[in-house]
Amino acid sequence: MTQEDFGLVSSRTYISTVERGLKSPTLGKIEQLADVLGVHPLTLLAVAYMERLTPKEVERTIALLRSRLLAVASE
């Protein structure tokens, strides 16, 4: 996927600044970017957070998130 693929929701300049960590997208922008990618917005947030974790930490984080999300959903 290229920066041009995001042309309907963001400029190439904006995408480049986000990729380089110079800007942080709003939740609304994350939703738009996720839509272009065909993923849930939470996937982008999780991937951004977990990219610095070890595989074992990723597994633990996913298990923790699953547990907490299920607990919130059942309230």
PDB file of N, CA and C in Angstrom:
ATOM      1  N   MET A   1       0.847  -1.168   0.000  1.00  0.00           N
ATOM      2  CA  MET A   1       0.000   0.000   0.000  1.00  0.00           C
ATOM      3  C   MET A   1       0.899   1.239   0.000  1.00  0.00           C
ATOM      4  N   THR A   2       0.483   2.260  -0.742  1.00  0.00           N
ATOM      5  CA  THR A   2       1.280   3.480  -0.829  1.00  0.00           C
ATOM      6  C   THR A   2       0.546   4.638  -0.166  1.00  0.00           C
ATOM      7  N   GLN A   3       1.263   5.731   0.037  1.00  0.00           N
ATOM      8  CA  GLN A   3       0.655   6.926   0.614  1.00  0.00           C
ATOM      9  C   GLN A   3      -0.486   7.441  -0.257  1.00  0.00           C
ATOM     10  N   GLU A   4      -0.373   7.235  -1.558  1.00  0.00           N
ATOM     11  CA  GLU A   4      -1.417   7.681  -2.473  1.00  0.00           C
ATOM     12  C   GLU A   4      -2.743   6.974  -2.223  1.00  0.00           C
ATOM     13  N   ASP A   5      -2.686   5.751  -1.698  1.00  0.00           N
ATOM     14  CA  ASP A   5      -3.906   4.998  -1.410  1.00  0.00           C
ATOM     15  C   ASP A   5      -4.763   5.688  -0.341  1.00  0.00           C
ATOM     16  N   PHE A   6      -4.151   6.568   0.427  1.00  0.00           N
ATOM     17  CA  PHE A   6      -4.860   7.278   1.489  1.00  0.00           C
ATOM     18  C   PHE A   6      -5.347   8.650   1.038  1.00  0.00           C
ATOM     19  N   GLY A   7      -5.228   8.933  -0.254  1.00  0.00           N
ATOM     20  CA  GLY A   7      -5.532  10.245  -0.807  1.00  0.00           C
ATOM     21  C   GLY A   7      -6.913  10.788  -0.506  1.00  0.00           C
ATOM     22  N   LEU A   8      -7.899   9.920  -0.338  1.00  0.00           N
ATOM     23  CA  LEU A   8      -9.244  10.403  -0.046  1.00  0.00           C
ATOM     24  C   LEU A   8      -9.420  10.847   1.397  1.00  0.00           C
ATOM     25  N   VAL A   9      -8.522  10.410   2.295  1.00  0.00           N
ATOM     26  CA  VAL A   9      -8.670  10.764   3.711  1.00  0.00           C
ATOM     27  C   VAL A   9      -7.533  11.637   4.240  1.00  0.00           C
ATOM     28  N   SER A  10      -6.394  11.661   3.552  1.00  0.00           N
ATOM     29  CA  SER A  10      -5.244  12.429   4.019  1.00  0.00           C
ATOM     30  C   SER A  10      -4.286  12.723   2.881  1.00  0.00           C
ATOM     31  N   SER A  11      -3.517  13.777   3.061  1.00  0.00           N
ATOM     32  CA  SER A  11      -2.492  14.097   2.065  1.00  0.00           C
ATOM     33  C   SER A  11      -1.266  13.217   2.274  1.00  0.00           C
ATOM     34  N   ARG A  12      -0.453  13.098   1.248  1.00  0.00           N
ATOM     35  CA  ARG A  12       0.794  12.327   1.369  1.00  0.00           C
ATOM     36  C   ARG A  12       1.699  12.949   2.422  1.00  0.00           C
ATOM     37  N   THR A  13       1.694  14.285   2.500  1.00  0.00           N
ATOM     38  CA  THR A  13       2.522  14.978   3.489  1.00  0.00           C
ATOM     39  C   THR A  13       2.100  14.596   4.899  1.00  0.00           C
ATOM     40  N   TYR A  14       0.786  14.577   5.152  1.00  0.00           N
ATOM     41  CA  TYR A  14       0.288  14.210   6.476  1.00  0.00           C
ATOM     42  C   TYR A  14       0.663  12.775   6.820  1.00  0.00           C
ATOM     43  N   ILE A  15       0.443  11.863   5.893  1.00  0.00           N
ATOM     44  CA  ILE A  15       0.780  10.452   6.131  1.00  0.00           C
ATOM     45  C   ILE A  15       2.267  10.320   6.439  1.00  0.00           C
ATOM     46  N   SER A  16       3.096  11.028   5.707  1.00  0.00           N
ATOM     47  CA  SER A  16       4.534  10.974   5.931  1.00  0.00           C
ATOM     48  C   SER A  16       4.903  11.474   7.326  1.00  0.00           C
ATOM     49  N   THR A  17       4.266  12.552   7.787  1.00  0.00           N
ATOM     50  CA  THR A  17       4.588  13.072   9.118  1.00  0.00           C
ATOM     51  C   THR A  17       4.127  12.114  10.217  1.00  0.00           C
ATOM     52  N   VAL A  18       3.017  11.415   9.983  1.00  0.00           N
ATOM     53  CA  VAL A  18       2.554  10.409  10.953  1.00  0.00           C
ATOM     54  C   VAL A  18       3.528   9.227  10.968  1.00  0.00           C
ATOM     55  N   GLU A  19       3.926   8.771   9.792  1.00  0.00           N
ATOM     56  CA  GLU A  19       4.859   7.643   9.695  1.00  0.00           C
ATOM     57  C   GLU A  19       6.179   7.945  10.401  1.00  0.00           C
ATOM     58  N   ARG A  20       6.618   9.188  10.330  1.00  0.00           N
ATOM     59  CA  ARG A  20       7.897   9.567  10.946  1.00  0.00           C
ATOM     60  C   ARG A  20       7.751   9.952  12.412  1.00  0.00           C
ATOM     61  N   GLY A  21       6.534   9.869  12.932  1.00  0.00           N
ATOM     62  CA  GLY A  21       6.308  10.166  14.337  1.00  0.00           C
ATOM     63  C   GLY A  21       6.295  11.648  14.662  1.00  0.00           C
ATOM     64  N   LEU A  22       6.127  12.494  13.659  1.00  0.00           N
ATOM     65  CA  LEU A  22       6.114  13.937  13.878  1.00  0.00           C
ATOM     66  C   LEU A  22       4.721  14.455  14.236  1.00  0.00           C
ATOM     67  N   LYS A  23       3.717  13.684  13.903  1.00  0.00           N
ATOM     68  CA  LYS A  23       2.333  14.016  14.249  1.00  0.00           C
ATOM     69  C   LYS A  23       1.645  12.766  14.750  1.00  0.00           C
ATOM     70  N   SER A  24       0.657  12.986  15.606  1.00  0.00           N
ATOM     71  CA  SER A  24      -0.179  11.884  16.090  1.00  0.00           C
ATOM     72  C   SER A  24      -1.586  12.090  15.555  1.00  0.00           C
ATOM     73  N   PRO A  25      -2.147  11.083  14.907  1.00  0.00           N
ATOM     74  CA  PRO A  25      -3.494  11.245  14.353  1.00  0.00           C
ATOM     75  C   PRO A  25      -4.551  11.268  15.446  1.00  0.00           C
ATOM     76  N   THR A  26      -5.632  11.986  15.185  1.00  0.00           N
ATOM     77  CA  THR A  26      -6.779  11.984  16.090  1.00  0.00           C
ATOM     78  C   THR A  26      -7.490  10.639  15.973  1.00  0.00           C
ATOM     79  N   LEU A  27      -8.390  10.369  16.901  1.00  0.00           N
ATOM     80  CA  LEU A  27      -9.159   9.120  16.817  1.00  0.00           C
ATOM     81  C   LEU A  27      -9.983   9.083  15.540  1.00  0.00           C
ATOM     82  N   GLY A  28     -10.525  10.217  15.148  1.00  0.00           N
ATOM     83  CA  GLY A  28     -11.288  10.270  13.901  1.00  0.00           C
ATOM     84  C   GLY A  28     -10.435   9.923  12.693  1.00  0.00           C
ATOM     85  N   LYS A  29      -9.211  10.431  12.687  1.00  0.00           N
ATOM     86  CA  LYS A  29      -8.304  10.146  11.575  1.00  0.00           C
ATOM     87  C   LYS A  29      -7.884   8.679  11.597  1.00  0.00           C
ATOM     88  N   ILE A  30      -7.684   8.119  12.788  1.00  0.00           N
ATOM     89  CA  ILE A  30      -7.350   6.696  12.901  1.00  0.00           C
ATOM     90  C   ILE A  30      -8.484   5.856  12.305  1.00  0.00           C
ATOM     91  N   GLU A  31      -9.720   6.252  12.566  1.00  0.00           N
ATOM     92  CA  GLU A  31     -10.864   5.529  11.995  1.00  0.00           C
ATOM     93  C   GLU A  31     -10.837   5.586  10.470  1.00  0.00           C
ATOM     94  N   GLN A  32     -10.534   6.751   9.919  1.00  0.00           N
ATOM     95  CA  GLN A  32     -10.474   6.897   8.458  1.00  0.00           C
ATOM     96  C   GLN A  32      -9.342   6.066   7.864  1.00  0.00           C
ATOM     97  N   LEU A  33      -8.172   6.113   8.492  1.00  0.00           N
ATOM     98  CA  LEU A  33      -7.031   5.345   7.997  1.00  0.00           C
ATOM     99  C   LEU A  33      -7.299   3.847   8.084  1.00  0.00           C
ATOM    100  N   ALA A  34      -7.912   3.424   9.189  1.00  0.00           N
ATOM    101  CA  ALA A  34      -8.251   2.005   9.354  1.00  0.00           C
ATOM    102  C   ALA A  34      -9.229   1.555   8.285  1.00  0.00           C
ATOM    103  N   ASP A  35     -10.173   2.419   7.939  1.00  0.00           N
ATOM    104  CA  ASP A  35     -11.143   2.085   6.906  1.00  0.00           C
ATOM    105  C   ASP A  35     -10.440   1.849   5.569  1.00  0.00           C
ATOM    106  N   VAL A  36      -9.481   2.702   5.238  1.00  0.00           N
ATOM    107  CA  VAL A  36      -8.722   2.524   3.996  1.00  0.00           C
ATOM    108  C   VAL A  36      -7.958   1.203   4.024  1.00  0.00           C
ATOM    109  N   LEU A  37      -7.407   0.861   5.182  1.00  0.00           N
ATOM    110  CA  LEU A  37      -6.642  -0.382   5.325  1.00  0.00           C
ATOM    111  C   LEU A  37      -7.530  -1.618   5.432  1.00  0.00           C
ATOM    112  N   GLY A  38      -8.809  -1.398   5.715  1.00  0.00           N
ATOM    113  CA  GLY A  38      -9.732  -2.527   5.857  1.00  0.00           C
ATOM    114  C   GLY A  38      -9.576  -3.260   7.173  1.00  0.00           C
ATOM    115  N   VAL A  39      -9.187  -2.519   8.226  1.00  0.00           N
ATOM    116  CA  VAL A  39      -9.026  -3.115   9.555  1.00  0.00           C
ATOM    117  C   VAL A  39      -9.812  -2.297  10.576  1.00  0.00           C
ATOM    118  N   HIS A  40     -10.012  -2.869  11.742  1.00  0.00           N
ATOM    119  CA  HIS A  40     -10.673  -2.158  12.829  1.00  0.00           C
ATOM    120  C   HIS A  40      -9.692  -1.116  13.391  1.00  0.00           C
ATOM    121  N   PRO A  41     -10.174   0.066  13.780  1.00  0.00           N
ATOM    122  CA  PRO A  41      -9.281   1.086  14.331  1.00  0.00           C
ATOM    123  C   PRO A  41      -8.449   0.602  15.523  1.00  0.00           C
ATOM    124  N   LEU A  42      -9.013  -0.263  16.337  1.00  0.00           N
ATOM    125  CA  LEU A  42      -8.250  -0.774  17.480  1.00  0.00           C
ATOM    126  C   LEU A  42      -7.039  -1.594  17.040  1.00  0.00           C
ATOM    127  N   THR A  43      -7.122  -2.174  15.862  1.00  0.00           N
ATOM    128  CA  THR A  43      -5.983  -2.926  15.327  1.00  0.00           C
ATOM    129  C   THR A  43      -4.790  -1.998  15.130  1.00  0.00           C
ATOM    130  N   LEU A  44      -5.034  -0.814  14.577  1.00  0.00           N
ATOM    131  CA  LEU A  44      -3.933   0.138  14.377  1.00  0.00           C
ATOM    132  C   LEU A  44      -3.314   0.566  15.703  1.00  0.00           C
ATOM    133  N   LEU A  45      -4.161   0.825  16.684  1.00  0.00           N
ATOM    134  CA  LEU A  45      -3.641   1.227  17.987  1.00  0.00           C
ATOM    135  C   LEU A  45      -2.832   0.102  18.628  1.00  0.00           C
ATOM    136  N   ALA A  46      -3.356  -1.107  18.556  1.00  0.00           N
ATOM    137  CA  ALA A  46      -2.662  -2.253  19.156  1.00  0.00           C
ATOM    138  C   ALA A  46      -1.320  -2.506  18.473  1.00  0.00           C
ATOM    139  N   VAL A  47      -1.313  -2.455  17.153  1.00  0.00           N
ATOM    140  CA  VAL A  47      -0.067  -2.695  16.412  1.00  0.00           C
ATOM    141  C   VAL A  47       0.964  -1.623  16.746  1.00  0.00           C
ATOM    142  N   ALA A  48       0.523  -0.365  16.800  1.00  0.00           N
ATOM    143  CA  ALA A  48       1.455   0.724  17.126  1.00  0.00           C
ATOM    144  C   ALA A  48       2.063   0.526  18.512  1.00  0.00           C
ATOM    145  N   TYR A  49       1.245   0.097  19.453  1.00  0.00           N
ATOM    146  CA  TYR A  49       1.736  -0.135  20.805  1.00  0.00           C
ATOM    147  C   TYR A  49       2.629  -1.369  20.878  1.00  0.00           C
ATOM    148  N   MET A  50       2.209  -2.448  20.240  1.00  0.00           N
ATOM    149  CA  MET A  50       2.898  -3.724  20.414  1.00  0.00           C
ATOM    150  C   MET A  50       4.147  -3.893  19.555  1.00  0.00           C
ATOM    151  N   GLU A  51       4.395  -2.994  18.613  1.00  0.00           N
ATOM    152  CA  GLU A  51       5.560  -3.175  17.747  1.00  0.00           C
ATOM    153  C   GLU A  51       6.879  -3.115  18.511  1.00  0.00           C
ATOM    154  N   ARG A  52       6.859  -2.567  19.707  1.00  0.00           N
ATOM    155  CA  ARG A  52       8.089  -2.495  20.497  1.00  0.00           C
ATOM    156  C   ARG A  52       8.212  -3.634  21.520  1.00  0.00           C
ATOM    157  N   LEU A  53       7.238  -4.541  21.515  1.00  0.00           N
ATOM    158  CA  LEU A  53       7.230  -5.650  22.469  1.00  0.00           C
ATOM    159  C   LEU A  53       7.857  -6.901  21.874  1.00  0.00           C
ATOM    160  N   THR A  54       8.304  -7.770  22.748  1.00  0.00           N
ATOM    161  CA  THR A  54       8.802  -9.068  22.312  1.00  0.00           C
ATOM    162  C   THR A  54       7.593  -9.950  21.962  1.00  0.00           C
ATOM    163  N   PRO A  55       7.806 -11.020  21.214  1.00  0.00           N
ATOM    164  CA  PRO A  55       6.672 -11.912  20.895  1.00  0.00           C
ATOM    165  C   PRO A  55       5.938 -12.407  22.137  1.00  0.00           C
ATOM    166  N   LYS A  56       6.665 -12.724  23.181  1.00  0.00           N
ATOM    167  CA  LYS A  56       6.035 -13.203  24.416  1.00  0.00           C
ATOM    168  C   LYS A  56       5.191 -12.097  25.053  1.00  0.00           C
ATOM    169  N   GLU A  57       5.699 -10.870  25.043  1.00  0.00           N
ATOM    170  CA  GLU A  57       4.946  -9.746  25.591  1.00  0.00           C
ATOM    171  C   GLU A  57       3.698  -9.461  24.757  1.00  0.00           C
ATOM    172  N   VAL A  58       3.798  -9.659  23.457  1.00  0.00           N
ATOM    173  CA  VAL A  58       2.637  -9.484  22.577  1.00  0.00           C
ATOM    174  C   VAL A  58       1.554 -10.484  22.962  1.00  0.00           C
ATOM    175  N   GLU A  59       1.936 -11.739  23.157  1.00  0.00           N
ATOM    176  CA  GLU A  59       0.968 -12.764  23.558  1.00  0.00           C
ATOM    177  C   GLU A  59       0.288 -12.397  24.870  1.00  0.00           C
ATOM    178  N   ARG A  60       1.073 -11.953  25.851  1.00  0.00           N
ATOM    179  CA  ARG A  60       0.505 -11.578  27.150  1.00  0.00           C
ATOM    180  C   ARG A  60      -0.415 -10.365  27.012  1.00  0.00           C
ATOM    181  N   THR A  61      -0.014  -9.410  26.194  1.00  0.00           N
ATOM    182  CA  THR A  61      -0.824  -8.207  25.996  1.00  0.00           C
ATOM    183  C   THR A  61      -2.155  -8.549  25.337  1.00  0.00           C
ATOM    184  N   ILE A  62      -2.135  -9.405  24.336  1.00  0.00           N
ATOM    185  CA  ILE A  62      -3.371  -9.816  23.665  1.00  0.00           C
ATOM    186  C   ILE A  62      -4.288 -10.539  24.649  1.00  0.00           C
ATOM    187  N   ALA A  63      -3.738 -11.415  25.454  1.00  0.00           N
ATOM    188  CA  ALA A  63      -4.536 -12.136  26.448  1.00  0.00           C
ATOM    189  C   ALA A  63      -5.139 -11.164  27.468  1.00  0.00           C
ATOM    190  N   LEU A  64      -4.349 -10.206  27.910  1.00  0.00           N
ATOM    191  CA  LEU A  64      -4.836  -9.217  28.870  1.00  0.00           C
ATOM    192  C   LEU A  64      -5.951  -8.369  28.262  1.00  0.00           C
ATOM    193  N   LEU A  65      -5.744  -7.895  27.041  1.00  0.00           N
ATOM    194  CA  LEU A  65      -6.768  -7.097  26.359  1.00  0.00           C
ATOM    195  C   LEU A  65      -8.059  -7.888  26.183  1.00  0.00           C
ATOM    196  N   ARG A  66      -7.919  -9.136  25.761  1.00  0.00           N
ATOM    197  CA  ARG A  66      -9.103  -9.981  25.563  1.00  0.00           C
ATOM    198  C   ARG A  66      -9.887 -10.115  26.863  1.00  0.00           C
ATOM    199  N   SER A  67      -9.180 -10.388  27.936  1.00  0.00           N
ATOM    200  CA  SER A  67      -9.811 -10.559  29.236  1.00  0.00           C
ATOM    201  C   SER A  67     -10.518  -9.281  29.679  1.00  0.00           C
ATOM    202  N   ARG A  68      -9.841  -8.161  29.538  1.00  0.00           N
ATOM    203  CA  ARG A  68     -10.428  -6.888  29.977  1.00  0.00           C
ATOM    204  C   ARG A  68     -11.593  -6.453  29.096  1.00  0.00           C
ATOM    205  N   LEU A  69     -11.480  -6.675  27.806  1.00  0.00           N
ATOM    206  CA  LEU A  69     -12.576  -6.309  26.910  1.00  0.00           C
ATOM    207  C   LEU A  69     -13.816  -7.162  27.176  1.00  0.00           C
ATOM    208  N   LEU A  70     -13.612  -8.444  27.415  1.00  0.00           N
ATOM    209  CA  LEU A  70     -14.735  -9.314  27.732  1.00  0.00           C
ATOM    210  C   LEU A  70     -15.387  -8.905  29.047  1.00  0.00           C
ATOM    211  N   ALA A  71     -14.582  -8.495  30.021  1.00  0.00           N
ATOM    212  CA  ALA A  71     -15.118  -8.059  31.312  1.00  0.00           C
ATOM    213  C   ALA A  71     -15.953  -6.791  31.145  1.00  0.00           C
ATOM    214  N   VAL A  72     -15.466  -5.853  30.354  1.00  0.00           N
ATOM    215  CA  VAL A  72     -16.209  -4.612  30.123  1.00  0.00           C
ATOM    216  C   VAL A  72     -17.496  -4.898  29.353  1.00  0.00           C
ATOM    217  N   ALA A  73     -17.423  -5.777  28.377  1.00  0.00           N
ATOM    218  CA  ALA A  73     -18.594  -6.091  27.557  1.00  0.00           C
ATOM    219  C   ALA A  73     -19.692  -6.787  28.360  1.00  0.00           C
ATOM    220  N   SER A  74     -19.313  -7.496  29.413  1.00  0.00           N
ATOM    221  CA  SER A  74     -20.313  -8.234  30.186  1.00  0.00           C
ATOM    222  C   SER A  74     -20.924  -7.395  31.308  1.00  0.00           C
ATOM    223  N   GLU A  75     -20.446  -6.181  31.482  1.00  0.00           N
ATOM    224  CA  GLU A  75     -20.999  -5.322  32.551  1.00  0.00           C
ATOM    225  C   GLU A  75     -22.334  -4.750  32.182  1.00  0.00           C
TER     226      GLU A  75
END
